[in-house]
Protein backbone atom coordinates (compact mmCIF):
# COMPACT_ATOMS: atom_id res chain seq x y z
CA UNK A 1 79.01 72.14 90.55
CA UNK A 2 79.71 75.40 92.44
CA UNK A 3 81.70 74.80 95.82
CA UNK A 4 80.18 75.90 98.77
CA UNK A 5 83.07 78.30 99.43
CA UNK A 6 82.49 79.76 95.96
CA UNK A 7 78.53 80.00 97.04
CA UNK A 8 79.22 81.86 100.09
CA UNK A 9 81.89 84.18 98.43
CA UNK A 10 79.15 84.84 95.91
CA UNK A 11 76.05 85.47 98.33
CA UNK A 12 78.60 87.61 100.58
CA UNK A 13 79.30 89.90 97.44
CA UNK A 14 75.58 89.81 96.47
CA UNK A 15 74.61 91.04 100.21
CA UNK A 16 77.22 93.67 100.03
CA UNK A 17 76.35 94.72 96.60
CA UNK A 18 72.64 94.99 97.51
CA UNK A 19 73.58 97.07 100.67
CA UNK A 20 75.62 99.54 98.39
CA UNK A 21 72.57 100.00 95.92
CA UNK A 22 70.17 100.59 98.78
CA UNK A 23 72.73 103.02 100.02
CA UNK A 24 73.36 105.10 96.99
CA UNK A 25 69.71 105.09 96.09
CA UNK A 26 68.62 106.50 99.41
CA UNK A 27 71.57 108.63 99.55
CA UNK A 28 70.69 110.07 95.88
CA UNK A 29 66.97 110.46 97.05
CA UNK A 30 67.93 112.44 100.18
CA UNK A 31 69.77 114.89 97.99
CA UNK A 32 67.43 115.31 95.23
CA UNK A 33 64.90 115.91 98.16
CA UNK A 34 67.08 118.36 99.80
CA UNK A 35 67.69 120.18 96.72
CA UNK A 36 63.93 120.78 95.76
CA UNK A 37 63.19 121.49 99.54
CA UNK A 38 65.46 124.15 99.63
CA UNK A 39 65.64 125.72 96.06
CA UNK A 40 61.87 125.28 95.14
CA UNK A 41 60.01 125.52 98.53
CA UNK A 42 62.78 127.42 100.36
CA UNK A 43 62.35 124.70 103.20
CA UNK A 44 65.36 122.53 103.54
CA UNK A 45 65.82 119.49 105.64
CA UNK A 46 67.92 119.97 108.64
CA UNK A 47 69.10 116.23 108.91
CA UNK A 48 69.39 115.28 105.18
CA UNK A 49 73.08 116.32 104.53
CA UNK A 50 74.17 114.39 107.63
CA UNK A 51 72.27 111.35 106.59
CA UNK A 52 73.40 111.55 103.25
CA UNK A 53 77.14 111.84 104.76
CA UNK A 54 76.78 108.97 107.00
CA UNK A 55 75.54 107.01 104.47
CA UNK A 56 78.36 107.89 101.92
CA UNK A 57 81.03 106.97 104.76
CA UNK A 58 79.00 103.35 105.06
CA UNK A 59 79.12 102.81 101.13
CA UNK A 60 82.87 103.23 101.41
CA UNK A 61 83.16 100.64 104.05
CA UNK A 62 80.77 98.36 102.48
CA UNK A 63 81.72 98.76 99.04
CA UNK A 64 85.27 97.48 100.01
CA UNK A 65 84.12 93.90 100.31
CA UNK A 66 81.80 94.12 97.16
CA UNK A 67 84.63 95.34 94.95
CA UNK A 68 87.15 92.84 96.33
CA UNK A 69 84.53 90.01 95.78
CA UNK A 70 84.24 90.89 92.30
CA UNK A 71 88.02 91.76 91.90
CA UNK A 72 87.38 95.25 90.93
CA UNK A 73 89.90 96.50 93.68
CA UNK A 74 93.02 98.19 92.89
CA UNK A 75 96.16 95.99 92.94
CA UNK A 76 99.64 96.72 92.01
CA UNK A 77 100.99 93.54 90.80
CA UNK A 78 103.72 94.60 88.28
CA UNK A 79 106.30 92.31 90.43
CA UNK A 80 104.22 89.65 91.37
CA UNK A 81 103.16 88.70 87.67
CA UNK A 82 106.99 88.27 87.02
CA UNK A 83 107.17 85.28 89.71
CA UNK A 84 106.88 81.81 89.19
CA UNK A 85 103.71 80.31 90.03
CA UNK A 86 104.87 78.77 93.61
CA UNK A 87 106.45 82.32 94.88
CA UNK A 88 103.36 83.90 93.23
CA UNK A 89 101.52 81.99 95.47
CA UNK A 90 103.80 82.73 98.46
CA UNK A 91 103.40 86.20 97.82
CA UNK A 92 99.79 86.68 97.43
CA UNK A 93 99.47 84.68 100.86
CA UNK A 94 101.90 86.96 102.71
CA UNK A 95 100.10 89.74 101.43
CA UNK A 96 96.65 88.62 102.44
CA UNK A 97 98.05 87.58 105.83
CA UNK A 98 99.56 91.05 106.56
CA UNK A 99 96.77 92.77 105.24
CA UNK A 100 94.64 90.67 107.50
CA UNK A 101 96.81 91.41 110.65
CA UNK A 102 96.40 95.07 109.85
CA UNK A 103 92.85 94.95 109.16
CA UNK A 104 92.12 92.96 112.44
CA UNK A 105 94.01 95.60 114.28
CA UNK A 106 91.72 98.30 112.83
CA UNK A 107 88.53 96.34 113.95
CA UNK A 108 90.10 95.91 117.58
CA UNK A 109 90.91 99.69 117.81
CA UNK A 110 87.55 100.75 116.15
CA UNK A 111 85.80 97.94 118.72
CA UNK A 112 87.54 100.07 121.44
CA UNK A 113 86.15 103.33 119.97
CA UNK A 114 82.75 102.19 119.53
CA UNK A 115 82.44 101.20 123.27
CA UNK A 116 83.74 104.29 124.46
CA UNK A 117 81.46 106.30 121.92
CA UNK A 118 78.59 104.05 123.74
CA UNK A 119 79.67 104.73 127.03
CA UNK A 120 80.14 108.65 126.39
CA UNK A 121 76.71 108.78 124.66
CA UNK A 122 77.99 110.71 121.72
CA UNK A 123 75.58 111.52 119.21
CA UNK A 124 75.54 113.09 115.54
CA UNK A 125 74.30 116.66 115.83
CA UNK A 126 71.25 116.85 113.54
CA UNK A 127 70.04 113.41 113.94
CA UNK A 128 71.14 112.88 117.59
CA UNK A 129 71.95 109.03 116.42
CA UNK A 130 74.28 107.28 118.39
CA UNK A 131 77.96 107.78 116.92
CA UNK A 132 78.64 104.26 118.15
CA UNK A 133 76.15 102.77 115.61
CA UNK A 134 77.43 104.87 113.04
CA UNK A 135 81.02 103.38 113.66
CA UNK A 136 79.53 99.91 113.50
CA UNK A 137 80.08 99.98 109.54
CA UNK A 138 83.80 99.66 110.24
CA UNK A 139 84.25 96.62 111.41
CA UNK A 140 81.29 95.01 109.24
CA UNK A 141 83.10 96.18 106.17
CA UNK A 142 86.68 95.33 107.08
CA UNK A 143 85.60 91.96 108.42
CA UNK A 144 83.88 91.38 105.12
CA UNK A 145 86.98 92.35 103.42
CA UNK A 146 89.10 89.84 105.11
CA UNK A 147 86.57 86.99 104.46
CA UNK A 148 86.46 88.01 100.78
CA UNK A 149 90.59 88.13 100.62
CA UNK A 150 90.96 84.71 102.28
CA UNK A 151 88.08 83.12 100.12
CA UNK A 152 89.50 84.85 96.75
CA UNK A 153 92.81 83.13 97.55
CA UNK A 154 91.01 79.72 98.44
CA UNK A 155 88.94 79.80 95.22
CA UNK A 156 92.31 80.26 92.96
CA UNK A 157 94.19 77.38 94.93
CA UNK A 158 91.62 74.75 94.62
CA UNK A 159 91.54 72.96 91.19
CA UNK A 160 87.97 73.36 89.22
């Protein structure tokens, strides 16, 4: 039987993966359309490069949680694997705790930036899309990463 926290972790990972797949698909279609319109019809889109860039940035932050959920993130564990199991668990919890504090600080700083961008009504050059909305992907992606890190530790700790 699948435990609720494991089901939640798998569901979160699936949502992040589907968002990533949709983003990659849209970005690829935009780039293909831009190439065709520019070189075949000599009539390029004025906004497609900016949209593709914004999607790419969003993919980076969304992909962080998806990669962590599938254990496909980069980890340097050369010293940790040499530790006894109890010390290894302490090291893992310490690293996740420190990383969580750092990520929460980044989310807080980003939230202040989002509020300032919203207040100043800053928009992207070509799309004239509010930059505050563009920045929303940062706290979303980092919050998903924090959740994935703690769920991963919890999954490992509980007996099957």
